Amino acid sequence: MKKRGNFLFIEKNDDVYTLSMTPELQDDIGTVGFVEYMHGDTLNVDDSILNIEASKTVIDVASPLAGKIVERNEAAINEPILLSSAKTEENWVVKLTDVDEEAFNQLEEA
């Protein structure tokens, strides 16, 4: 099941929620040149996940869900352009667990 919120796609697989960039967000910010993840392993709604410097802007990407970060796209730190990719296996941002399923269900359908 895939939802969207804060210009991110959120895909649920079992108990893992993968947040990735939407094409709209990618178009709005341009080519990604620098990525810096925020510290900490838990997120609340609207907490900053990462800071992106791109060709059109600098932006903090906020989480549409609260949860525990179980994985970050570490490859994007060394190769930020991955977040500009159309491939979801490359443009994902974080993977979360301990997400309130009701909050996920309230998000817009993708």
PDB file of N, CA and C in Angstrom:
ATOM      1  N   MET A   1       0.845  -1.172   0.000  1.00  0.00           N
ATOM      2  CA  MET A   1       0.000   0.000   0.000  1.00  0.00           C
ATOM      3  C   MET A   1       0.893   1.239   0.000  1.00  0.00           C
ATOM      4  N   LYS A   2       0.529   2.232  -0.822  1.00  0.00           N
ATOM      5  CA  LYS A   2       1.336   3.445  -0.936  1.00  0.00           C
ATOM      6  C   LYS A   2       0.474   4.669  -0.676  1.00  0.00           C
ATOM      7  N   LYS A   3       0.999   5.553   0.161  1.00  0.00           N
ATOM      8  CA  LYS A   3       0.337   6.815   0.495  1.00  0.00           C
ATOM      9  C   LYS A   3       1.305   7.950   0.187  1.00  0.00           C
ATOM     10  N   ARG A   4       0.846   9.179   0.407  1.00  0.00           N
ATOM     11  CA  ARG A   4       1.728  10.330   0.226  1.00  0.00           C
ATOM     12  C   ARG A   4       1.445  11.381   1.289  1.00  0.00           C
ATOM     13  N   GLY A   5       2.507  12.098   1.670  1.00  0.00           N
ATOM     14  CA  GLY A   5       2.388  13.168   2.644  1.00  0.00           C
ATOM     15  C   GLY A   5       3.684  13.965   2.672  1.00  0.00           C
ATOM     16  N   ASN A   6       3.601  15.269   2.835  1.00  0.00           N
ATOM     17  CA  ASN A   6       4.781  16.153   2.863  1.00  0.00           C
ATOM     18  C   ASN A   6       5.665  15.951   1.636  1.00  0.00           C
ATOM     19  N   PHE A   7       5.038  15.737   0.470  1.00  0.00           N
ATOM     20  CA  PHE A   7       5.744  15.543  -0.798  1.00  0.00           C
ATOM     21  C   PHE A   7       6.623  14.298  -0.811  1.00  0.00           C
ATOM     22  N   LEU A   8       6.253  13.319   0.020  1.00  0.00           N
ATOM     23  CA  LEU A   8       6.957  12.041   0.049  1.00  0.00           C
ATOM     24  C   LEU A   8       5.952  10.921  -0.210  1.00  0.00           C
ATOM     25  N   PHE A   9       6.428   9.867  -0.873  1.00  0.00           N
ATOM     26  CA  PHE A   9       5.662   8.635  -0.951  1.00  0.00           C
ATOM     27  C   PHE A   9       5.980   7.827   0.294  1.00  0.00           C
ATOM     28  N   ILE A  10       4.990   7.158   0.852  1.00  0.00           N
ATOM     29  CA  ILE A  10       5.193   6.273   1.990  1.00  0.00           C
ATOM     30  C   ILE A  10       4.633   4.916   1.588  1.00  0.00           C
ATOM     31  N   GLU A  11       5.511   3.931   1.499  1.00  0.00           N
ATOM     32  CA  GLU A  11       5.091   2.593   1.095  1.00  0.00           C
ATOM     33  C   GLU A  11       5.242   1.649   2.273  1.00  0.00           C
ATOM     34  N   LYS A  12       4.147   0.916   2.563  1.00  0.00           N
ATOM     35  CA  LYS A  12       4.147  -0.012   3.692  1.00  0.00           C
ATOM     36  C   LYS A  12       4.389  -1.426   3.189  1.00  0.00           C
ATOM     37  N   ASN A  13       5.404  -2.073   3.741  1.00  0.00           N
ATOM     38  CA  ASN A  13       5.684  -3.485   3.491  1.00  0.00           C
ATOM     39  C   ASN A  13       5.831  -4.150   4.853  1.00  0.00           C
ATOM     40  N   ASP A  14       4.860  -4.970   5.214  1.00  0.00           N
ATOM     41  CA  ASP A  14       4.802  -5.576   6.545  1.00  0.00           C
ATOM     42  C   ASP A  14       4.787  -4.459   7.587  1.00  0.00           C
ATOM     43  N   ASP A  15       5.805  -4.391   8.462  1.00  0.00           N
ATOM     44  CA  ASP A  15       5.853  -3.349   9.484  1.00  0.00           C
ATOM     45  C   ASP A  15       6.868  -2.258   9.173  1.00  0.00           C
ATOM     46  N   VAL A  16       7.368  -2.223   7.931  1.00  0.00           N
ATOM     47  CA  VAL A  16       8.367  -1.235   7.535  1.00  0.00           C
ATOM     48  C   VAL A  16       7.725  -0.241   6.566  1.00  0.00           C
ATOM     49  N   TYR A  17       7.924   1.038   6.855  1.00  0.00           N
ATOM     50  CA  TYR A  17       7.386   2.122   6.042  1.00  0.00           C
ATOM     51  C   TYR A  17       8.559   2.840   5.380  1.00  0.00           C
ATOM     52  N   THR A  18       8.610   2.785   4.046  1.00  0.00           N
ATOM     53  CA  THR A  18       9.696   3.411   3.301  1.00  0.00           C
ATOM     54  C   THR A  18       9.234   4.753   2.756  1.00  0.00           C
ATOM     55  N   LEU A  19       9.965   5.813   3.111  1.00  0.00           N
ATOM     56  CA  LEU A  19       9.657   7.156   2.635  1.00  0.00           C
ATOM     57  C   LEU A  19      10.590   7.486   1.487  1.00  0.00           C
ATOM     58  N   SER A  20      10.011   7.924   0.360  1.00  0.00           N
ATOM     59  CA  SER A  20      10.816   8.259  -0.808  1.00  0.00           C
ATOM     60  C   SER A  20      10.328   9.559  -1.436  1.00  0.00           C
ATOM     61  N   MET A  21      11.151  10.114  -2.292  1.00  0.00           N
ATOM     62  CA  MET A  21      10.857  11.396  -2.926  1.00  0.00           C
ATOM     63  C   MET A  21       9.762  11.235  -3.987  1.00  0.00           C
ATOM     64  N   THR A  22       8.823  12.174  -4.041  1.00  0.00           N
ATOM     65  CA  THR A  22       7.833  12.181  -5.115  1.00  0.00           C
ATOM     66  C   THR A  22       8.432  12.926  -6.312  1.00  0.00           C
ATOM     67  N   PRO A  23       7.938  12.643  -7.515  1.00  0.00           N
ATOM     68  CA  PRO A  23       8.404  13.393  -8.686  1.00  0.00           C
ATOM     69  C   PRO A  23       8.183  14.901  -8.536  1.00  0.00           C
ATOM     70  N   GLU A  24       7.086  15.297  -7.871  1.00  0.00           N
ATOM     71  CA  GLU A  24       6.820  16.729  -7.663  1.00  0.00           C
ATOM     72  C   GLU A  24       7.919  17.383  -6.829  1.00  0.00           C
ATOM     73  N   LEU A  25       8.317  16.713  -5.760  1.00  0.00           N
ATOM     74  CA  LEU A  25       9.379  17.253  -4.919  1.00  0.00           C
ATOM     75  C   LEU A  25      10.682  17.321  -5.698  1.00  0.00           C
ATOM     76  N   GLN A  26      10.979  16.271  -6.442  1.00  0.00           N
ATOM     77  CA  GLN A  26      12.203  16.260  -7.240  1.00  0.00           C
ATOM     78  C   GLN A  26      12.213  17.415  -8.243  1.00  0.00           C
ATOM     79  N   ASP A  27      11.080  17.648  -8.924  1.00  0.00           N
ATOM     80  CA  ASP A  27      10.999  18.738  -9.894  1.00  0.00           C
ATOM     81  C   ASP A  27      11.143  20.100  -9.221  1.00  0.00           C
ATOM     82  N   ASP A  28      10.516  20.247  -8.049  1.00  0.00           N
ATOM     83  CA  ASP A  28      10.551  21.534  -7.349  1.00  0.00           C
ATOM     84  C   ASP A  28      11.954  21.919  -6.872  1.00  0.00           C
ATOM     85  N   ILE A  29      12.739  20.939  -6.442  1.00  0.00           N
ATOM     86  CA  ILE A  29      14.043  21.274  -5.866  1.00  0.00           C
ATOM     87  C   ILE A  29      15.193  21.189  -6.855  1.00  0.00           C
ATOM     88  N   GLY A  30      15.032  20.449  -7.944  1.00  0.00           N
ATOM     89  CA  GLY A  30      16.111  20.303  -8.924  1.00  0.00           C
ATOM     90  C   GLY A  30      17.075  19.189  -8.535  1.00  0.00           C
ATOM     91  N   THR A  31      18.225  19.199  -9.157  1.00  0.00           N
ATOM     92  CA  THR A  31      19.224  18.151  -8.942  1.00  0.00           C
ATOM     93  C   THR A  31      19.835  18.266  -7.549  1.00  0.00           C
ATOM     94  N   VAL A  32      19.806  17.170  -6.807  1.00  0.00           N
ATOM     95  CA  VAL A  32      20.324  17.147  -5.440  1.00  0.00           C
ATOM     96  C   VAL A  32      21.846  17.082  -5.474  1.00  0.00           C
ATOM     97  N   GLY A  33      22.481  17.994  -4.696  1.00  0.00           N
ATOM     98  CA  GLY A  33      23.934  18.042  -4.657  1.00  0.00           C
ATOM     99  C   GLY A  33      24.531  17.747  -3.286  1.00  0.00           C
ATOM    100  N   PHE A  34      23.710  17.828  -2.228  1.00  0.00           N
ATOM    101  CA  PHE A  34      24.212  17.603  -0.879  1.00  0.00           C
ATOM    102  C   PHE A  34      23.067  17.113   0.001  1.00  0.00           C
ATOM    103  N   VAL A  35      23.361  16.129   0.850  1.00  0.00           N
ATOM    104  CA  VAL A  35      22.369  15.553   1.758  1.00  0.00           C
ATOM    105  C   VAL A  35      22.979  15.447   3.149  1.00  0.00           C
ATOM    106  N   GLU A  36      22.220  15.896   4.149  1.00  0.00           N
ATOM    107  CA  GLU A  36      22.652  15.744   5.535  1.00  0.00           C
ATOM    108  C   GLU A  36      21.468  15.257   6.358  1.00  0.00           C
ATOM    109  N   TYR A  37      21.605  14.060   6.937  1.00  0.00           N
ATOM    110  CA  TYR A  37      20.551  13.512   7.783  1.00  0.00           C
ATOM    111  C   TYR A  37      20.614  14.127   9.173  1.00  0.00           C
ATOM    112  N   MET A  38      19.441  14.273   9.784  1.00  0.00           N
ATOM    113  CA  MET A  38      19.361  14.735  11.156  1.00  0.00           C
ATOM    114  C   MET A  38      19.741  13.573  12.075  1.00  0.00           C
ATOM    115  N   HIS A  39      20.230  13.901  13.243  1.00  0.00           N
ATOM    116  CA  HIS A  39      20.632  12.877  14.200  1.00  0.00           C
ATOM    117  C   HIS A  39      19.415  12.369  14.962  1.00  0.00           C
ATOM    118  N   GLY A  40      19.538  11.217  15.529  1.00  0.00           N
ATOM    119  CA  GLY A  40      18.448  10.625  16.299  1.00  0.00           C
ATOM    120  C   GLY A  40      17.776   9.513  15.516  1.00  0.00           C
ATOM    121  N   ASP A  41      17.130   8.633  16.256  1.00  0.00           N
ATOM    122  CA  ASP A  41      16.509   7.473  15.634  1.00  0.00           C
ATOM    123  C   ASP A  41      14.995   7.469  15.726  1.00  0.00           C
ATOM    124  N   THR A  42      14.413   8.518  16.293  1.00  0.00           N
ATOM    125  CA  THR A  42      12.960   8.592  16.335  1.00  0.00           C
ATOM    126  C   THR A  42      12.497   9.903  15.713  1.00  0.00           C
ATOM    127  N   LEU A  43      11.332   9.837  15.087  1.00  0.00           N
ATOM    128  CA  LEU A  43      10.742  11.005  14.443  1.00  0.00           C
ATOM    129  C   LEU A  43       9.339  11.225  14.963  1.00  0.00           C
ATOM    130  N   ASN A  44       8.969  12.471  15.107  1.00  0.00           N
ATOM    131  CA  ASN A  44       7.590  12.859  15.334  1.00  0.00           C
ATOM    132  C   ASN A  44       7.077  13.440  14.022  1.00  0.00           C
ATOM    133  N   VAL A  45       5.779  13.589  13.906  1.00  0.00           N
ATOM    134  CA  VAL A  45       5.205  14.188  12.708  1.00  0.00           C
ATOM    135  C   VAL A  45       5.799  15.584  12.518  1.00  0.00           C
ATOM    136  N   ASP A  46       6.206  15.872  11.297  1.00  0.00           N
ATOM    137  CA  ASP A  46       6.793  17.152  10.876  1.00  0.00           C
ATOM    138  C   ASP A  46       8.209  17.391  11.385  1.00  0.00           C
ATOM    139  N   ASP A  47       8.828  16.392  12.029  1.00  0.00           N
ATOM    140  CA  ASP A  47      10.255  16.501  12.358  1.00  0.00           C
ATOM    141  C   ASP A  47      11.064  16.470  11.065  1.00  0.00           C
ATOM    142  N   SER A  48      12.162  17.178  11.065  1.00  0.00           N
ATOM    143  CA  SER A  48      13.050  17.175   9.908  1.00  0.00           C
ATOM    144  C   SER A  48      13.777  15.834   9.815  1.00  0.00           C
ATOM    145  N   ILE A  49      13.742  15.225   8.622  1.00  0.00           N
ATOM    146  CA  ILE A  49      14.444  13.965   8.378  1.00  0.00           C
ATOM    147  C   ILE A  49      15.850  14.251   7.865  1.00  0.00           C
ATOM    148  N   LEU A  50      15.914  15.155   6.888  1.00  0.00           N
ATOM    149  CA  LEU A  50      17.204  15.490   6.306  1.00  0.00           C
ATOM    150  C   LEU A  50      17.147  16.868   5.686  1.00  0.00           C
ATOM    151  N   ASN A  51      18.337  17.414   5.477  1.00  0.00           N
ATOM    152  CA  ASN A  51      18.518  18.699   4.835  1.00  0.00           C
ATOM    153  C   ASN A  51      19.083  18.414   3.451  1.00  0.00           C
ATOM    154  N   ILE A  52      18.482  19.005   2.433  1.00  0.00           N
ATOM    155  CA  ILE A  52      18.914  18.799   1.052  1.00  0.00           C
ATOM    156  C   ILE A  52      19.307  20.132   0.447  1.00  0.00           C
ATOM    157  N   GLU A  53      20.472  20.153  -0.189  1.00  0.00           N
ATOM    158  CA  GLU A  53      20.863  21.285  -1.017  1.00  0.00           C
ATOM    159  C   GLU A  53      20.771  20.813  -2.458  1.00  0.00           C
ATOM    160  N   ALA A  54      19.960  21.515  -3.243  1.00  0.00           N
ATOM    161  CA  ALA A  54      19.738  21.133  -4.634  1.00  0.00           C
ATOM    162  C   ALA A  54      19.940  22.355  -5.530  1.00  0.00           C
ATOM    163  N   SER A  55      19.831  22.137  -6.839  1.00  0.00           N
ATOM    164  CA  SER A  55      20.118  23.215  -7.790  1.00  0.00           C
ATOM    165  C   SER A  55      19.144  24.387  -7.684  1.00  0.00           C
ATOM    166  N   LYS A  56      17.918  24.145  -7.212  1.00  0.00           N
ATOM    167  CA  LYS A  56      16.924  25.211  -7.136  1.00  0.00           C
ATOM    168  C   LYS A  56      16.679  25.748  -5.731  1.00  0.00           C
ATOM    169  N   THR A  57      17.065  24.994  -4.703  1.00  0.00           N
ATOM    170  CA  THR A  57      16.728  25.417  -3.343  1.00  0.00           C
ATOM    171  C   THR A  57      17.489  24.605  -2.302  1.00  0.00           C
ATOM    172  N   VAL A  58      17.384  25.061  -1.066  1.00  0.00           N
ATOM    173  CA  VAL A  58      17.824  24.300   0.104  1.00  0.00           C
ATOM    174  C   VAL A  58      16.554  24.030   0.891  1.00  0.00           C
ATOM    175  N   ILE A  59      16.372  22.775   1.326  1.00  0.00           N
ATOM    176  CA  ILE A  59      15.112  22.409   1.960  1.00  0.00           C
ATOM    177  C   ILE A  59      15.329  21.384   3.068  1.00  0.00           C
ATOM    178  N   ASP A  60      14.528  21.513   4.131  1.00  0.00           N
ATOM    179  CA  ASP A  60      14.434  20.467   5.145  1.00  0.00           C
ATOM    180  C   ASP A  60      13.239  19.611   4.763  1.00  0.00           C
ATOM    181  N   VAL A  61      13.435  18.315   4.683  1.00  0.00           N
ATOM    182  CA  VAL A  61      12.347  17.403   4.369  1.00  0.00           C
ATOM    183  C   VAL A  61      11.764  16.905   5.690  1.00  0.00           C
ATOM    184  N   ALA A  62      10.467  17.111   5.868  1.00  0.00           N
ATOM    185  CA  ALA A  62       9.793  16.776   7.124  1.00  0.00           C
ATOM    186  C   ALA A  62       9.050  15.455   7.002  1.00  0.00           C
ATOM    187  N   SER A  63       8.996  14.726   8.095  1.00  0.00           N
ATOM    188  CA  SER A  63       8.328  13.429   8.123  1.00  0.00           C
ATOM    189  C   SER A  63       6.818  13.595   8.247  1.00  0.00           C
ATOM    190  N   PRO A  64       6.058  12.872   7.421  1.00  0.00           N
ATOM    191  CA  PRO A  64       4.602  12.904   7.568  1.00  0.00           C
ATOM    192  C   PRO A  64       4.097  11.953   8.661  1.00  0.00           C
ATOM    193  N   LEU A  65       5.003  11.119   9.189  1.00  0.00           N
ATOM    194  CA  LEU A  65       4.628  10.133  10.209  1.00  0.00           C
ATOM    195  C   LEU A  65       5.622  10.133  11.360  1.00  0.00           C
ATOM    196  N   ALA A  66       5.157   9.700  12.501  1.00  0.00           N
ATOM    197  CA  ALA A  66       6.048   9.449  13.639  1.00  0.00           C
ATOM    198  C   ALA A  66       6.480   7.991  13.575  1.00  0.00           C
ATOM    199  N   GLY A  67       7.710   7.720  13.991  1.00  0.00           N
ATOM    200  CA  GLY A  67       8.184   6.346  14.005  1.00  0.00           C
ATOM    201  C   GLY A  67       9.652   6.266  14.356  1.00  0.00           C
ATOM    202  N   LYS A  68      10.163   5.039  14.315  1.00  0.00           N
ATOM    203  CA  LYS A  68      11.565   4.781  14.605  1.00  0.00           C
ATOM    204  C   LYS A  68      12.312   4.548  13.298  1.00  0.00           C
ATOM    205  N   ILE A  69      13.409   5.285  13.104  1.00  0.00           N
ATOM    206  CA  ILE A  69      14.226   5.106  11.904  1.00  0.00           C
ATOM    207  C   ILE A  69      15.036   3.822  12.061  1.00  0.00           C
ATOM    208  N   VAL A  70      14.842   2.890  11.121  1.00  0.00           N
ATOM    209  CA  VAL A  70      15.604   1.642  11.151  1.00  0.00           C
ATOM    210  C   VAL A  70      16.663   1.604  10.060  1.00  0.00           C
ATOM    211  N   GLU A  71      16.536   2.506   9.069  1.00  0.00           N
ATOM    212  CA  GLU A  71      17.544   2.568   8.014  1.00  0.00           C
ATOM    213  C   GLU A  71      17.464   3.916   7.320  1.00  0.00           C
ATOM    214  N   ARG A  72      18.637   4.455   6.996  1.00  0.00           N
ATOM    215  CA  ARG A  72      18.750   5.684   6.206  1.00  0.00           C
ATOM    216  C   ARG A  72      19.394   5.322   4.871  1.00  0.00           C
ATOM    217  N   ASN A  73      19.093   6.080   3.849  1.00  0.00           N
ATOM    218  CA  ASN A  73      19.721   5.848   2.549  1.00  0.00           C
ATOM    219  C   ASN A  73      21.133   6.435   2.603  1.00  0.00           C
ATOM    220  N   GLU A  74      22.042   5.686   3.210  1.00  0.00           N
ATOM    221  CA  GLU A  74      23.421   6.151   3.405  1.00  0.00           C
ATOM    222  C   GLU A  74      24.127   6.406   2.078  1.00  0.00           C
ATOM    223  N   ALA A  75      23.754   5.677   1.020  1.00  0.00           N
ATOM    224  CA  ALA A  75      24.375   5.874  -0.300  1.00  0.00           C
ATOM    225  C   ALA A  75      24.153   7.299  -0.801  1.00  0.00           C
ATOM    226  N   ALA A  76      23.032   7.913  -0.421  1.00  0.00           N
ATOM    227  CA  ALA A  76      22.722   9.274  -0.870  1.00  0.00           C
ATOM    228  C   ALA A  76      23.648  10.315  -0.250  1.00  0.00           C
ATOM    229  N   ILE A  77      24.295   9.988   0.859  1.00  0.00           N
ATOM    230  CA  ILE A  77      25.241  10.933   1.462  1.00  0.00           C
ATOM    231  C   ILE A  77      26.445  11.108   0.545  1.00  0.00           C
ATOM    232  N   ASN A  78      26.967   9.999   0.036  1.00  0.00           N
ATOM    233  CA  ASN A  78      28.124  10.056  -0.866  1.00  0.00           C
ATOM    234  C   ASN A  78      27.728  10.336  -2.304  1.00  0.00           C
ATOM    235  N   GLU A  79      26.496   9.986  -2.669  1.00  0.00           N
ATOM    236  CA  GLU A  79      26.008  10.186  -4.031  1.00  0.00           C
ATOM    237  C   GLU A  79      24.624  10.834  -3.974  1.00  0.00           C
ATOM    238  N   PRO A  80      24.565  12.126  -3.635  1.00  0.00           N
ATOM    239  CA  PRO A  80      23.276  12.794  -3.425  1.00  0.00           C
ATOM    240  C   PRO A  80      22.342  12.735  -4.631  1.00  0.00           C
ATOM    241  N   ILE A  81      22.896  12.637  -5.825  1.00  0.00           N
ATOM    242  CA  ILE A  81      22.063  12.612  -7.029  1.00  0.00           C
ATOM    243  C   ILE A  81      21.104  11.419  -7.050  1.00  0.00           C
ATOM    244  N   LEU A  82      21.357  10.413  -6.214  1.00  0.00           N
ATOM    245  CA  LEU A  82      20.438   9.278  -6.117  1.00  0.00           C
ATOM    246  C   LEU A  82      19.024   9.737  -5.752  1.00  0.00           C
ATOM    247  N   LEU A  83      18.923  10.779  -4.944  1.00  0.00           N
ATOM    248  CA  LEU A  83      17.604  11.274  -4.544  1.00  0.00           C
ATOM    249  C   LEU A  83      16.874  11.940  -5.704  1.00  0.00           C
ATOM    250  N   SER A  84      17.584  12.243  -6.784  1.00  0.00           N
ATOM    251  CA  SER A  84      16.968  12.814  -7.984  1.00  0.00           C
ATOM    252  C   SER A  84      16.511  11.728  -8.950  1.00  0.00           C
ATOM    253  N   SER A  85      16.807  10.484  -8.644  1.00  0.00           N
ATOM    254  CA  SER A  85      16.480   9.355  -9.514  1.00  0.00           C
ATOM    255  C   SER A  85      14.979   9.090  -9.558  1.00  0.00           C
ATOM    256  N   ALA A  86      14.504   8.549 -10.674  1.00  0.00           N
ATOM    257  CA  ALA A  86      13.103   8.139 -10.793  1.00  0.00           C
ATOM    258  C   ALA A  86      12.881   6.766 -10.152  1.00  0.00           C
ATOM    259  N   LYS A  87      13.954   6.058  -9.831  1.00  0.00           N
ATOM    260  CA  LYS A  87      13.857   4.707  -9.280  1.00  0.00           C
ATOM    261  C   LYS A  87      13.666   4.763  -7.762  1.00  0.00           C
ATOM    262  N   THR A  88      12.590   4.141  -7.284  1.00  0.00           N
ATOM    263  CA  THR A  88      12.316   4.182  -5.845  1.00  0.00           C
ATOM    264  C   THR A  88      13.372   3.442  -5.027  1.00  0.00           C
ATOM    265  N   GLU A  89      14.060   2.488  -5.640  1.00  0.00           N
ATOM    266  CA  GLU A  89      15.125   1.797  -4.903  1.00  0.00           C
ATOM    267  C   GLU A  89      16.345   2.695  -4.708  1.00  0.00           C
ATOM    268  N   GLU A  90      16.392   3.846  -5.403  1.00  0.00           N
ATOM    269  CA  GLU A  90      17.491   4.800  -5.248  1.00  0.00           C
ATOM    270  C   GLU A  90      17.063   6.064  -4.519  1.00  0.00           C
ATOM    271  N   ASN A  91      15.817   6.527  -4.698  1.00  0.00           N
ATOM    272  CA  ASN A  91      15.414   7.832  -4.164  1.00  0.00           C
ATOM    273  C   ASN A  91      14.706   7.750  -2.813  1.00  0.00           C
ATOM    274  N   TRP A  92      14.805   6.601  -2.137  1.00  0.00           N
ATOM    275  CA  TRP A  92      14.196   6.512  -0.812  1.00  0.00           C
ATOM    276  C   TRP A  92      15.045   7.285   0.199  1.00  0.00           C
ATOM    277  N   VAL A  93      14.402   7.735   1.256  1.00  0.00           N
ATOM    278  CA  VAL A  93      15.050   8.592   2.242  1.00  0.00           C
ATOM    279  C   VAL A  93      15.331   7.822   3.536  1.00  0.00           C
ATOM    280  N   VAL A  94      14.272   7.297   4.152  1.00  0.00           N
ATOM    281  CA  VAL A  94      14.412   6.506   5.384  1.00  0.00           C
ATOM    282  C   VAL A  94      13.382   5.386   5.395  1.00  0.00           C
ATOM    283  N   LYS A  95      13.643   4.420   6.276  1.00  0.00           N
ATOM    284  CA  LYS A  95      12.686   3.348   6.541  1.00  0.00           C
ATOM    285  C   LYS A  95      12.330   3.422   8.022  1.00  0.00           C
ATOM    286  N   LEU A  96      11.024   3.366   8.296  1.00  0.00           N
ATOM    287  CA  LEU A  96      10.517   3.514   9.654  1.00  0.00           C
ATOM    288  C   LEU A  96       9.789   2.256  10.122  1.00  0.00           C
ATOM    289  N   THR A  97       9.823   2.042  11.429  1.00  0.00           N
ATOM    290  CA  THR A  97       8.962   1.057  12.084  1.00  0.00           C
ATOM    291  C   THR A  97       8.267   1.781  13.232  1.00  0.00           C
ATOM    292  N   ASP A  98       7.460   1.065  13.989  1.00  0.00           N
ATOM    293  CA  ASP A  98       6.719   1.628  15.132  1.00  0.00           C
ATOM    294  C   ASP A  98       5.863   2.826  14.702  1.00  0.00           C
ATOM    295  N   VAL A  99       5.240   2.697  13.528  1.00  0.00           N
ATOM    296  CA  VAL A  99       4.379   3.750  12.991  1.00  0.00           C
ATOM    297  C   VAL A  99       2.933   3.440  13.373  1.00  0.00           C
ATOM    298  N   ASP A 100       2.187   4.464  13.736  1.00  0.00           N
ATOM    299  CA  ASP A 100       0.765   4.317  14.034  1.00  0.00           C
ATOM    300  C   ASP A 100       0.032   4.055  12.719  1.00  0.00           C
ATOM    301  N   GLU A 101      -0.501   2.858  12.569  1.00  0.00           N
ATOM    302  CA  GLU A 101      -1.148   2.485  11.301  1.00  0.00           C
ATOM    303  C   GLU A 101      -2.341   3.375  10.984  1.00  0.00           C
ATOM    304  N   GLU A 102      -3.036   3.839  11.998  1.00  0.00           N
ATOM    305  CA  GLU A 102      -4.165   4.741  11.774  1.00  0.00           C
ATOM    306  C   GLU A 102      -3.686   6.063  11.161  1.00  0.00           C
ATOM    307  N   ALA A 103      -2.557   6.575  11.647  1.00  0.00           N
ATOM    308  CA  ALA A 103      -1.994   7.804  11.074  1.00  0.00           C
ATOM    309  C   ALA A 103      -1.596   7.573   9.612  1.00  0.00           C
ATOM    310  N   PHE A 104      -1.030   6.409   9.326  1.00  0.00           N
ATOM    311  CA  PHE A 104      -0.685   6.064   7.933  1.00  0.00           C
ATOM    312  C   PHE A 104      -1.937   6.021   7.076  1.00  0.00           C
ATOM    313  N   ASN A 105      -2.998   5.383   7.574  1.00  0.00           N
ATOM    314  CA  ASN A 105      -4.233   5.265   6.806  1.00  0.00           C
ATOM    315  C   ASN A 105      -4.891   6.610   6.530  1.00  0.00           C
ATOM    316  N   GLN A 106      -4.618   7.616   7.365  1.00  0.00           N
ATOM    317  CA  GLN A 106      -5.190   8.945   7.184  1.00  0.00           C
ATOM    318  C   GLN A 106      -4.514   9.735   6.069  1.00  0.00           C
ATOM    319  N   LEU A 107      -3.332   9.288   5.647  1.00  0.00           N
ATOM    320  CA  LEU A 107      -2.612  10.002   4.591  1.00  0.00           C
ATOM    321  C   LEU A 107      -3.315   9.831   3.243  1.00  0.00           C
ATOM    322  N   GLU A 108      -3.021  10.743   2.326  1.00  0.00           N
ATOM    323  CA  GLU A 108      -3.608  10.732   0.989  1.00  0.00           C
ATOM    324  C   GLU A 108      -3.144   9.506   0.196  1.00  0.00           C
ATOM    325  N   GLU A 109      -4.047   8.924  -0.578  1.00  0.00           N
ATOM    326  CA  GLU A 109      -3.685   7.805  -1.447  1.00  0.00           C
ATOM    327  C   GLU A 109      -2.697   8.292  -2.504  1.00  0.00           C
ATOM    328  N   ALA A 110      -1.716   7.450  -2.817  1.00  0.00           N
ATOM    329  CA  ALA A 110      -0.712   7.819  -3.829  1.00  0.00           C
ATOM    330  C   ALA A 110      -1.197   7.420  -5.206  1.00  0.00           C
TER     331      ALA A 110
END
